[in-house]
Amino acid sequence: MTAPGPEPEEVPGLEPGGSVSPGDTPPDAGQTSGLSHPQPMPSKKGPVFALVIIGIIIVGMAAFFLLRAFDLLD
């Protein structure tokens, strides 16, 4: 079985142990420029609906425990 690509001894720019010397590393950012097409704005209906439902549940639970604390529920 052979290794894919060239042997490490034959690759230029490698130091002993397989690391690269300073200055031989690729640039930090890609070399492409420009923007992709505009991304659609996600709907806000779902999160708002979920927050309203959670608020209703919290208010209902608080009312239940307050009525329970004041002994107004049988």
PDB file of N, CA and C in Angstrom:
ATOM      1  N   MET A   1       0.851  -1.172   0.000  1.00  0.00           N
ATOM      2  CA  MET A   1       0.000   0.000   0.000  1.00  0.00           C
ATOM      3  C   MET A   1       0.900   1.239   0.000  1.00  0.00           C
ATOM      4  N   THR A   2       0.647   2.177  -0.884  1.00  0.00           N
ATOM      5  CA  THR A   2       1.465   3.377  -0.958  1.00  0.00           C
ATOM      6  C   THR A   2       0.712   4.547  -0.341  1.00  0.00           C
ATOM      7  N   ALA A   3       1.460   5.490   0.178  1.00  0.00           N
ATOM      8  CA  ALA A   3       0.862   6.681   0.785  1.00  0.00           C
ATOM      9  C   ALA A   3       0.386   7.622  -0.316  1.00  0.00           C
ATOM     10  N   PRO A   4      -0.764   8.279  -0.105  1.00  0.00           N
ATOM     11  CA  PRO A   4      -1.221   9.237  -1.109  1.00  0.00           C
ATOM     12  C   PRO A   4      -0.331  10.480  -1.101  1.00  0.00           C
ATOM     13  N   GLY A   5      -0.005  10.964  -2.254  1.00  0.00           N
ATOM     14  CA  GLY A   5       0.816  12.160  -2.356  1.00  0.00           C
ATOM     15  C   GLY A   5       2.293  11.845  -2.297  1.00  0.00           C
ATOM     16  N   PRO A   6       3.133  12.881  -2.353  1.00  0.00           N
ATOM     17  CA  PRO A   6       4.580  12.660  -2.360  1.00  0.00           C
ATOM     18  C   PRO A   6       5.092  12.246  -0.987  1.00  0.00           C
ATOM     19  N   GLU A   7       6.271  11.670  -0.985  1.00  0.00           N
ATOM     20  CA  GLU A   7       6.922  11.302   0.264  1.00  0.00           C
ATOM     21  C   GLU A   7       7.323  12.572   1.013  1.00  0.00           C
ATOM     22  N   PRO A   8       7.253  12.568   2.333  1.00  0.00           N
ATOM     23  CA  PRO A   8       7.599  13.781   3.093  1.00  0.00           C
ATOM     24  C   PRO A   8       9.007  14.276   2.834  1.00  0.00           C
ATOM     25  N   GLU A   9       9.945  13.357   2.503  1.00  0.00           N
ATOM     26  CA  GLU A   9      11.315  13.797   2.243  1.00  0.00           C
ATOM     27  C   GLU A   9      11.415  14.585   0.941  1.00  0.00           C
ATOM     28  N   GLU A  10      10.464  14.404   0.024  1.00  0.00           N
ATOM     29  CA  GLU A  10      10.524  15.042  -1.289  1.00  0.00           C
ATOM     30  C   GLU A  10       9.724  16.342  -1.372  1.00  0.00           C
ATOM     31  N   VAL A  11       8.982  16.685  -0.336  1.00  0.00           N
ATOM     32  CA  VAL A  11       8.149  17.887  -0.367  1.00  0.00           C
ATOM     33  C   VAL A  11       9.001  19.096   0.015  1.00  0.00           C
ATOM     34  N   PRO A  12       9.050  20.123  -0.844  1.00  0.00           N
ATOM     35  CA  PRO A  12       9.851  21.290  -0.496  1.00  0.00           C
ATOM     36  C   PRO A  12       9.196  22.100   0.618  1.00  0.00           C
ATOM     37  N   GLY A  13      10.010  22.707   1.462  1.00  0.00           N
ATOM     38  CA  GLY A  13       9.501  23.581   2.514  1.00  0.00           C
ATOM     39  C   GLY A  13       9.237  22.890   3.833  1.00  0.00           C
ATOM     40  N   LEU A  14       9.384  21.565   3.905  1.00  0.00           N
ATOM     41  CA  LEU A  14       9.173  20.869   5.172  1.00  0.00           C
ATOM     42  C   LEU A  14      10.476  20.784   5.944  1.00  0.00           C
ATOM     43  N   GLU A  15      10.368  21.024   7.231  1.00  0.00           N
ATOM     44  CA  GLU A  15      11.514  20.871   8.112  1.00  0.00           C
ATOM     45  C   GLU A  15      11.535  19.446   8.640  1.00  0.00           C
ATOM     46  N   PRO A  16      12.602  19.045   9.270  1.00  0.00           N
ATOM     47  CA  PRO A  16      12.636  17.703   9.853  1.00  0.00           C
ATOM     48  C   PRO A  16      11.488  17.525  10.852  1.00  0.00           C
ATOM     49  N   GLY A  17      10.795  16.431  10.787  1.00  0.00           N
ATOM     50  CA  GLY A  17       9.653  16.176  11.652  1.00  0.00           C
ATOM     51  C   GLY A  17       8.334  16.490  10.970  1.00  0.00           C
ATOM     52  N   GLY A  18       8.367  17.106   9.790  1.00  0.00           N
ATOM     53  CA  GLY A  18       7.156  17.355   9.023  1.00  0.00           C
ATOM     54  C   GLY A  18       6.530  18.716   9.200  1.00  0.00           C
ATOM     55  N   SER A  19       7.102  19.597  10.019  1.00  0.00           N
ATOM     56  CA  SER A  19       6.517  20.927  10.182  1.00  0.00           C
ATOM     57  C   SER A  19       6.998  21.850   9.058  1.00  0.00           C
ATOM     58  N   VAL A  20       6.297  22.947   8.882  1.00  0.00           N
ATOM     59  CA  VAL A  20       6.687  23.908   7.843  1.00  0.00           C
ATOM     60  C   VAL A  20       7.462  25.043   8.482  1.00  0.00           C
ATOM     61  N   SER A  21       8.341  25.630   7.706  1.00  0.00           N
ATOM     62  CA  SER A  21       9.133  26.735   8.224  1.00  0.00           C
ATOM     63  C   SER A  21       8.286  28.005   8.235  1.00  0.00           C
ATOM     64  N   PRO A  22       8.609  28.960   9.121  1.00  0.00           N
ATOM     65  CA  PRO A  22       7.842  30.213   9.175  1.00  0.00           C
ATOM     66  C   PRO A  22       7.857  30.922   7.827  1.00  0.00           C
ATOM     67  N   GLY A  23       6.729  31.451   7.446  1.00  0.00           N
ATOM     68  CA  GLY A  23       6.609  32.135   6.166  1.00  0.00           C
ATOM     69  C   GLY A  23       6.092  31.247   5.060  1.00  0.00           C
ATOM     70  N   ASP A  24       6.100  29.937   5.259  1.00  0.00           N
ATOM     71  CA  ASP A  24       5.607  29.012   4.245  1.00  0.00           C
ATOM     72  C   ASP A  24       4.154  28.623   4.469  1.00  0.00           C
ATOM     73  N   THR A  25       3.537  29.156   5.499  1.00  0.00           N
ATOM     74  CA  THR A  25       2.142  28.814   5.779  1.00  0.00           C
ATOM     75  C   THR A  25       1.215  29.597   4.853  1.00  0.00           C
ATOM     76  N   PRO A  26       0.048  29.101   4.579  1.00  0.00           N
ATOM     77  CA  PRO A  26      -0.892  29.823   3.716  1.00  0.00           C
ATOM     78  C   PRO A  26      -1.417  31.081   4.406  1.00  0.00           C
ATOM     79  N   PRO A  27      -1.975  32.006   3.657  1.00  0.00           N
ATOM     80  CA  PRO A  27      -2.511  33.230   4.263  1.00  0.00           C
ATOM     81  C   PRO A  27      -3.685  32.920   5.194  1.00  0.00           C
ATOM     82  N   ASP A  28      -3.953  33.842   6.122  1.00  0.00           N
ATOM     83  CA  ASP A  28      -5.031  33.654   7.092  1.00  0.00           C
ATOM     84  C   ASP A  28      -6.403  33.625   6.438  1.00  0.00           C
ATOM     85  N   ALA A  29      -6.619  34.484   5.465  1.00  0.00           N
ATOM     86  CA  ALA A  29      -7.939  34.603   4.839  1.00  0.00           C
ATOM     87  C   ALA A  29      -7.890  34.044   3.419  1.00  0.00           C
ATOM     88  N   GLY A  30      -9.054  33.649   2.947  1.00  0.00           N
ATOM     89  CA  GLY A  30      -9.145  33.174   1.576  1.00  0.00           C
ATOM     90  C   GLY A  30      -8.911  34.290   0.585  1.00  0.00           C
ATOM     91  N   GLN A  31      -8.612  33.927  -0.618  1.00  0.00           N
ATOM     92  CA  GLN A  31      -8.300  34.918  -1.631  1.00  0.00           C
ATOM     93  C   GLN A  31      -9.492  35.255  -2.520  1.00  0.00           C
ATOM     94  N   THR A  32     -10.683  34.862  -2.091  1.00  0.00           N
ATOM     95  CA  THR A  32     -11.868  35.194  -2.870  1.00  0.00           C
ATOM     96  C   THR A  32     -12.465  36.490  -2.352  1.00  0.00           C
ATOM     97  N   SER A  33     -13.158  37.184  -3.188  1.00  0.00           N
ATOM     98  CA  SER A  33     -13.801  38.426  -2.771  1.00  0.00           C
ATOM     99  C   SER A  33     -15.222  38.443  -3.307  1.00  0.00           C
ATOM    100  N   GLY A  34     -15.988  39.388  -2.824  1.00  0.00           N
ATOM    101  CA  GLY A  34     -17.366  39.515  -3.268  1.00  0.00           C
ATOM    102  C   GLY A  34     -18.323  38.903  -2.254  1.00  0.00           C
ATOM    103  N   LEU A  35     -19.583  39.191  -2.437  1.00  0.00           N
ATOM    104  CA  LEU A  35     -20.618  38.719  -1.533  1.00  0.00           C
ATOM    105  C   LEU A  35     -21.494  37.698  -2.236  1.00  0.00           C
ATOM    106  N   SER A  36     -22.081  36.827  -1.452  1.00  0.00           N
ATOM    107  CA  SER A  36     -23.044  35.897  -2.023  1.00  0.00           C
ATOM    108  C   SER A  36     -24.379  36.618  -2.167  1.00  0.00           C
ATOM    109  N   HIS A  37     -25.368  35.919  -2.664  1.00  0.00           N
ATOM    110  CA  HIS A  37     -26.684  36.535  -2.811  1.00  0.00           C
ATOM    111  C   HIS A  37     -27.248  36.866  -1.439  1.00  0.00           C
ATOM    112  N   PRO A  38     -28.130  37.843  -1.318  1.00  0.00           N
ATOM    113  CA  PRO A  38     -28.686  38.223  -0.014  1.00  0.00           C
ATOM    114  C   PRO A  38     -29.442  37.061   0.635  1.00  0.00           C
ATOM    115  N   GLN A  39     -29.231  36.889   1.908  1.00  0.00           N
ATOM    116  CA  GLN A  39     -29.902  35.827   2.640  1.00  0.00           C
ATOM    117  C   GLN A  39     -31.294  36.294   3.062  1.00  0.00           C
ATOM    118  N   PRO A  40     -32.293  35.428   2.981  1.00  0.00           N
ATOM    119  CA  PRO A  40     -33.645  35.832   3.387  1.00  0.00           C
ATOM    120  C   PRO A  40     -33.728  36.023   4.901  1.00  0.00           C
ATOM    121  N   MET A  41     -34.558  36.961   5.319  1.00  0.00           N
ATOM    122  CA  MET A  41     -34.765  37.211   6.742  1.00  0.00           C
ATOM    123  C   MET A  41     -35.675  36.126   7.302  1.00  0.00           C
ATOM    124  N   PRO A  42     -35.290  35.498   8.412  1.00  0.00           N
ATOM    125  CA  PRO A  42     -36.157  34.478   8.998  1.00  0.00           C
ATOM    126  C   PRO A  42     -37.409  35.108   9.600  1.00  0.00           C
ATOM    127  N   SER A  43     -38.465  34.331   9.656  1.00  0.00           N
ATOM    128  CA  SER A  43     -39.734  34.816  10.197  1.00  0.00           C
ATOM    129  C   SER A  43     -39.617  35.019  11.703  1.00  0.00           C
ATOM    130  N   LYS A  44     -40.303  36.041  12.221  1.00  0.00           N
ATOM    131  CA  LYS A  44     -40.300  36.312  13.652  1.00  0.00           C
ATOM    132  C   LYS A  44     -41.568  35.801  14.319  1.00  0.00           C
ATOM    133  N   LYS A  45     -42.456  35.195  13.552  1.00  0.00           N
ATOM    134  CA  LYS A  45     -43.717  34.721  14.117  1.00  0.00           C
ATOM    135  C   LYS A  45     -43.497  33.580  15.093  1.00  0.00           C
ATOM    136  N   GLY A  46     -42.639  32.639  14.748  1.00  0.00           N
ATOM    137  CA  GLY A  46     -42.415  31.472  15.599  1.00  0.00           C
ATOM    138  C   GLY A  46     -41.866  31.820  16.971  1.00  0.00           C
ATOM    139  N   PRO A  47     -40.756  32.573  17.053  1.00  0.00           N
ATOM    140  CA  PRO A  47     -40.224  32.919  18.371  1.00  0.00           C
ATOM    141  C   PRO A  47     -41.183  33.774  19.202  1.00  0.00           C
ATOM    142  N   VAL A  48     -41.892  34.696  18.573  1.00  0.00           N
ATOM    143  CA  VAL A  48     -42.839  35.535  19.311  1.00  0.00           C
ATOM    144  C   VAL A  48     -43.974  34.673  19.854  1.00  0.00           C
ATOM    145  N   PHE A  49     -44.490  33.767  19.034  1.00  0.00           N
ATOM    146  CA  PHE A  49     -45.560  32.869  19.468  1.00  0.00           C
ATOM    147  C   PHE A  49     -45.093  32.001  20.635  1.00  0.00           C
ATOM    148  N   ALA A  50     -43.883  31.478  20.556  1.00  0.00           N
ATOM    149  CA  ALA A  50     -43.350  30.640  21.632  1.00  0.00           C
ATOM    150  C   ALA A  50     -43.203  31.439  22.922  1.00  0.00           C
ATOM    151  N   LEU A  51     -42.724  32.671  22.842  1.00  0.00           N
ATOM    152  CA  LEU A  51     -42.582  33.505  24.037  1.00  0.00           C
ATOM    153  C   LEU A  51     -43.940  33.828  24.655  1.00  0.00           C
ATOM    154  N   VAL A  52     -44.946  34.082  23.826  1.00  0.00           N
ATOM    155  CA  VAL A  52     -46.288  34.359  24.340  1.00  0.00           C
ATOM    156  C   VAL A  52     -46.835  33.131  25.061  1.00  0.00           C
ATOM    157  N   ILE A  53     -46.680  31.956  24.486  1.00  0.00           N
ATOM    158  CA  ILE A  53     -47.163  30.725  25.120  1.00  0.00           C
ATOM    159  C   ILE A  53     -46.436  30.493  26.446  1.00  0.00           C
ATOM    160  N   ILE A  54     -45.126  30.680  26.463  1.00  0.00           N
ATOM    161  CA  ILE A  54     -44.356  30.502  27.698  1.00  0.00           C
ATOM    162  C   ILE A  54     -44.810  31.507  28.747  1.00  0.00           C
ATOM    163  N   GLY A  55     -45.060  32.753  28.336  1.00  0.00           N
ATOM    164  CA  GLY A  55     -45.549  33.775  29.267  1.00  0.00           C
ATOM    165  C   GLY A  55     -46.902  33.413  29.848  1.00  0.00           C
ATOM    166  N   ILE A  56     -47.790  32.894  29.026  1.00  0.00           N
ATOM    167  CA  ILE A  56     -49.122  32.495  29.502  1.00  0.00           C
ATOM    168  C   ILE A  56     -48.989  31.362  30.524  1.00  0.00           C
ATOM    169  N   ILE A  57     -48.128  30.407  30.239  1.00  0.00           N
ATOM    170  CA  ILE A  57     -47.922  29.286  31.166  1.00  0.00           C
ATOM    171  C   ILE A  57     -47.357  29.783  32.497  1.00  0.00           C
ATOM    172  N   ILE A  58     -46.388  30.689  32.446  1.00  0.00           N
ATOM    173  CA  ILE A  58     -45.783  31.211  33.678  1.00  0.00           C
ATOM    174  C   ILE A  58     -46.802  31.994  34.494  1.00  0.00           C
ATOM    175  N   VAL A  59     -47.586  32.841  33.834  1.00  0.00           N
ATOM    176  CA  VAL A  59     -48.613  33.615  34.548  1.00  0.00           C
ATOM    177  C   VAL A  59     -49.660  32.677  35.142  1.00  0.00           C
ATOM    178  N   GLY A  60     -50.051  31.656  34.401  1.00  0.00           N
ATOM    179  CA  GLY A  60     -51.027  30.689  34.919  1.00  0.00           C
ATOM    180  C   GLY A  60     -50.492  29.937  36.127  1.00  0.00           C
ATOM    181  N   MET A  61     -49.239  29.527  36.073  1.00  0.00           N
ATOM    182  CA  MET A  61     -48.650  28.820  37.218  1.00  0.00           C
ATOM    183  C   MET A  61     -48.514  29.744  38.426  1.00  0.00           C
ATOM    184  N   ALA A  62     -48.119  30.988  38.191  1.00  0.00           N
ATOM    185  CA  ALA A  62     -48.004  31.941  39.297  1.00  0.00           C
ATOM    186  C   ALA A  62     -49.369  32.186  39.930  1.00  0.00           C
ATOM    187  N   ALA A  63     -50.405  32.338  39.109  1.00  0.00           N
ATOM    188  CA  ALA A  63     -51.756  32.539  39.639  1.00  0.00           C
ATOM    189  C   ALA A  63     -52.204  31.316  40.438  1.00  0.00           C
ATOM    190  N   PHE A  64     -51.919  30.120  39.933  1.00  0.00           N
ATOM    191  CA  PHE A  64     -52.287  28.897  40.643  1.00  0.00           C
ATOM    192  C   PHE A  64     -51.642  28.855  42.028  1.00  0.00           C
ATOM    193  N   PHE A  65     -50.339  29.126  42.097  1.00  0.00           N
ATOM    194  CA  PHE A  65     -49.655  29.043  43.383  1.00  0.00           C
ATOM    195  C   PHE A  65     -50.049  30.176  44.321  1.00  0.00           C
ATOM    196  N   LEU A  66     -50.356  31.360  43.790  1.00  0.00           N
ATOM    197  CA  LEU A  66     -50.844  32.449  44.644  1.00  0.00           C
ATOM    198  C   LEU A  66     -52.211  32.103  45.221  1.00  0.00           C
ATOM    199  N   LEU A  67     -53.107  31.598  44.391  1.00  0.00           N
ATOM    200  CA  LEU A  67     -54.419  31.206  44.889  1.00  0.00           C
ATOM    201  C   LEU A  67     -54.282  30.069  45.897  1.00  0.00           C
ATOM    202  N   ARG A  68     -53.365  29.165  45.659  1.00  0.00           N
ATOM    203  CA  ARG A  68     -53.113  28.051  46.564  1.00  0.00           C
ATOM    204  C   ARG A  68     -52.573  28.569  47.900  1.00  0.00           C
ATOM    205  N   ALA A  69     -51.687  29.583  47.843  1.00  0.00           N
ATOM    206  CA  ALA A  69     -51.079  30.139  49.054  1.00  0.00           C
ATOM    207  C   ALA A  69     -52.116  30.864  49.900  1.00  0.00           C
ATOM    208  N   PHE A  70     -53.052  31.532  49.277  1.00  0.00           N
ATOM    209  CA  PHE A  70     -54.084  32.251  50.014  1.00  0.00           C
ATOM    210  C   PHE A  70     -55.311  31.393  50.285  1.00  0.00           C
ATOM    211  N   ASP A  71     -55.224  30.116  49.967  1.00  0.00           N
ATOM    212  CA  ASP A  71     -56.282  29.144  50.258  1.00  0.00           C
ATOM    213  C   ASP A  71     -57.608  29.505  49.578  1.00  0.00           C
ATOM    214  N   LEU A  72     -57.526  30.041  48.365  1.00  0.00           N
ATOM    215  CA  LEU A  72     -58.739  30.389  47.640  1.00  0.00           C
ATOM    216  C   LEU A  72     -59.190  29.242  46.734  1.00  0.00           C
ATOM    217  N   LEU A  73     -58.334  28.245  46.552  1.00  0.00           N
ATOM    218  CA  LEU A  73     -58.705  27.073  45.757  1.00  0.00           C
ATOM    219  C   LEU A  73     -59.077  25.944  46.704  1.00  0.00           C
ATOM    220  N   ASP A  74     -60.076  25.186  46.370  1.00  0.00           N
ATOM    221  CA  ASP A  74     -60.449  24.048  47.203  1.00  0.00           C
ATOM    222  C   ASP A  74     -59.767  22.811  46.745  1.00  0.00           C
TER     223      ASP A  74
END
